[in-house]
Amino acid sequence: MEIPEGSGLEKYLKDFESKGNIKDFIKPVFEEIMLFLKKKLLITFHDIILTKCYRSKDFDRICLEEGITGEYPLAIIIHSRSFSIPDRIAVDLQRMGTYAKSFVFNFILVVMEELIHSACPLKTELEVGAIMFPLAEEFMGIKLSDDFKKMSENMRT
């Protein structure tokens, strides 16, 4: 994947590389994605906790606790059943990617997807994908290939 000069993805990749560690990168990007979605979709979010799983086995345990079996995604939304308890987004940081480019790309996509699920809990996986792809392209300043979108769509069904 080519990263256009001056794109959002290039900005976040440089930011990731300059931070020196994942912890300093994640929170500000999470907040920027949330702010971007609030403006673009004119939505509000219930309180959300981002659970960062640095080891896949910790994420797998959360998935099992939530009744998710089979091949695990990179992130999940755990909807609260009460307004007094925040939703939780759990992300598997170990499986995000070995290289900075794949990590940053995957992190942005999965966080954006799960935030849309949080704000629009009645939308199906395919509906969320249809909302997310153009927004992710705009946020990152890149064009996602039709092959990538099709592969992602097939994984959602």
Protein backbone atom coordinates (compact mmCIF):
# COMPACT_ATOMS: atom_id res chain seq x y z
CA MET A 1 0.00 0.00 0.00
CA GLU A 2 1.33 3.39 -0.95
CA ILE A 3 0.94 6.13 1.60
CA PRO A 4 0.25 9.49 -0.03
CA GLU A 5 2.44 12.34 1.12
CA GLY A 6 0.59 14.62 3.49
CA SER A 7 -2.15 12.04 4.15
CA GLY A 8 -3.62 11.33 7.54
CA LEU A 9 -2.10 7.85 7.44
CA GLU A 10 1.35 9.34 6.86
CA LYS A 11 0.79 11.72 9.79
CA TYR A 12 -0.23 8.88 12.13
CA LEU A 13 2.61 6.66 10.95
CA LYS A 14 5.16 9.41 11.67
CA ASP A 15 3.50 10.04 15.01
CA PHE A 16 3.66 6.32 15.86
CA GLU A 17 7.33 6.11 14.92
CA SER A 18 8.21 9.24 16.91
CA LYS A 19 6.45 8.10 20.10
CA GLY A 20 8.68 5.11 20.64
CA ASN A 21 5.94 3.06 22.28
CA ILE A 22 2.39 1.99 21.58
CA LYS A 23 0.91 3.37 24.79
CA ASP A 24 1.67 7.00 23.91
CA PHE A 25 0.22 6.56 20.43
CA ILE A 26 -3.07 4.80 21.12
CA LYS A 27 -5.04 7.19 23.34
CA PRO A 28 -4.67 10.36 21.22
CA VAL A 29 -5.50 8.50 18.00
CA PHE A 30 -8.51 6.86 19.63
CA GLU A 31 -9.74 10.29 20.71
CA GLU A 32 -9.13 11.80 17.26
CA ILE A 33 -11.10 9.01 15.58
CA MET A 34 -13.94 9.53 18.05
CA LEU A 35 -14.00 13.29 17.42
CA PHE A 36 -13.89 12.74 13.65
CA LEU A 37 -16.87 10.36 13.82
CA LYS A 38 -18.84 12.74 16.05
CA LYS A 39 -18.44 15.50 13.46
CA LYS A 40 -19.01 13.38 10.36
CA LEU A 41 -21.93 11.29 11.59
CA LEU A 42 -23.40 13.87 14.00
CA ILE A 43 -23.45 11.29 16.77
CA THR A 44 -22.63 11.13 20.43
CA PHE A 45 -20.99 8.31 22.27
CA HIS A 46 -21.93 6.67 25.52
CA ASP A 47 -18.86 6.47 27.77
CA ILE A 48 -16.35 4.07 26.24
CA ILE A 49 -13.39 2.33 27.80
CA LEU A 50 -10.60 1.20 25.49
CA THR A 51 -9.16 -2.10 26.75
CA LYS A 52 -5.70 -2.52 25.28
CA CYS A 53 -4.61 -6.15 25.10
CA TYR A 54 -0.87 -6.27 24.53
CA ARG A 55 -0.93 -10.06 24.41
CA SER A 56 -3.30 -11.98 22.17
CA LYS A 57 -4.04 -14.50 24.91
CA ASP A 58 -5.57 -11.69 27.01
CA PHE A 59 -7.78 -10.66 24.10
CA ASP A 60 -8.73 -14.29 23.41
CA ARG A 61 -9.83 -14.64 27.04
CA ILE A 62 -12.11 -11.59 26.68
CA CYS A 63 -13.57 -13.03 23.48
CA LEU A 64 -14.32 -16.34 25.20
CA GLU A 65 -15.94 -14.50 28.12
CA GLU A 66 -18.15 -12.70 25.58
CA GLY A 67 -19.10 -15.95 23.83
CA ILE A 68 -17.04 -15.31 20.70
CA THR A 69 -15.55 -18.48 19.28
CA GLY A 70 -13.68 -19.42 16.14
CA GLU A 71 -11.29 -17.00 14.48
CA TYR A 72 -11.03 -13.89 16.62
CA PRO A 73 -11.26 -10.39 15.16
CA LEU A 74 -8.73 -7.66 15.97
CA ALA A 75 -11.22 -5.80 18.14
CA ILE A 76 -14.66 -6.21 19.67
CA ILE A 77 -17.28 -3.96 21.21
CA ILE A 78 -18.77 -5.04 24.50
CA HIS A 79 -22.03 -3.16 24.90
CA SER A 80 -22.97 -2.31 28.44
CA ARG A 81 -26.41 -3.22 29.62
CA SER A 82 -26.71 -0.07 31.70
CA PHE A 83 -26.28 3.65 31.14
CA SER A 84 -24.16 3.79 34.28
CA ILE A 85 -21.64 1.29 32.87
CA PRO A 86 -19.57 2.33 29.84
CA ASP A 87 -19.25 0.32 26.64
CA ARG A 88 -15.87 -1.31 26.23
CA ILE A 89 -13.80 -1.73 23.10
CA ALA A 90 -11.15 -4.43 23.43
CA VAL A 91 -8.31 -4.44 20.89
CA ASP A 92 -5.74 -7.14 20.24
CA LEU A 93 -2.60 -5.05 19.80
CA GLN A 94 -0.34 -8.06 19.30
CA ARG A 95 -2.23 -9.16 16.15
CA MET A 96 -2.47 -5.62 14.69
CA GLY A 97 0.69 -6.08 12.70
CA THR A 98 4.42 -6.47 13.06
CA TYR A 99 5.32 -3.44 11.00
CA ALA A 100 4.42 0.14 11.90
CA LYS A 101 2.43 0.69 8.71
CA SER A 102 0.21 -2.36 9.18
CA PHE A 103 -0.22 -1.66 12.91
CA VAL A 104 -1.32 1.96 12.39
CA PHE A 105 -3.62 1.06 9.47
CA ASN A 106 -5.28 -1.82 11.34
CA PHE A 107 -5.62 0.15 14.57
CA ILE A 108 -7.40 3.02 12.84
CA LEU A 109 -9.76 0.70 10.95
CA VAL A 110 -10.78 -1.50 13.85
CA VAL A 111 -11.22 1.36 16.30
CA MET A 112 -13.34 3.25 13.79
CA GLU A 113 -15.46 0.16 13.15
CA GLU A 114 -16.04 -0.56 16.84
CA LEU A 115 -16.85 3.08 17.59
CA ILE A 116 -19.49 2.99 14.85
CA HIS A 117 -20.87 -0.20 16.41
CA SER A 118 -20.99 1.59 19.77
CA ALA A 119 -22.91 4.57 18.37
CA CYS A 120 -25.12 2.47 16.07
CA PRO A 121 -25.70 -0.83 17.92
CA LEU A 122 -28.57 -1.92 15.66
CA LYS A 123 -26.52 -1.75 12.46
CA THR A 124 -25.33 -5.03 10.95
CA GLU A 125 -21.68 -5.77 10.20
CA LEU A 126 -22.26 -5.00 6.51
CA GLU A 127 -24.03 -1.72 7.30
CA VAL A 128 -21.19 -0.67 9.61
CA GLY A 129 -18.66 -1.52 6.88
CA ALA A 130 -20.57 0.58 4.35
CA ILE A 131 -20.43 3.53 6.75
CA MET A 132 -16.84 2.94 7.82
CA PHE A 133 -14.98 2.53 4.52
CA PRO A 134 -15.57 6.03 3.10
CA LEU A 135 -14.93 7.57 6.51
CA ALA A 136 -11.71 5.59 6.96
CA GLU A 137 -10.57 6.69 3.50
CA GLU A 138 -11.23 10.30 4.41
CA PHE A 139 -9.63 10.05 7.85
CA MET A 140 -6.48 8.37 6.52
CA GLY A 141 -6.38 10.25 3.21
CA ILE A 142 -6.05 7.05 1.19
CA LYS A 143 -8.16 5.01 -1.20
CA LEU A 144 -8.93 1.49 -0.01
CA SER A 145 -8.80 -1.00 -2.85
CA ASP A 146 -11.99 -2.68 -3.99
CA ASP A 147 -10.28 -6.03 -3.33
CA PHE A 148 -9.65 -5.04 0.29
CA LYS A 149 -13.25 -3.91 0.75
CA LYS A 150 -14.56 -7.11 -0.82
CA MET A 151 -12.32 -9.29 1.35
CA SER A 152 -13.44 -7.40 4.44
CA GLU A 153 -17.07 -7.69 3.38
CA ASN A 154 -16.69 -11.46 2.94
CA MET A 155 -15.27 -11.72 6.46
CA ARG A 156 -18.34 -9.90 7.81
CA THR A 157 -20.85 -12.40 6.43
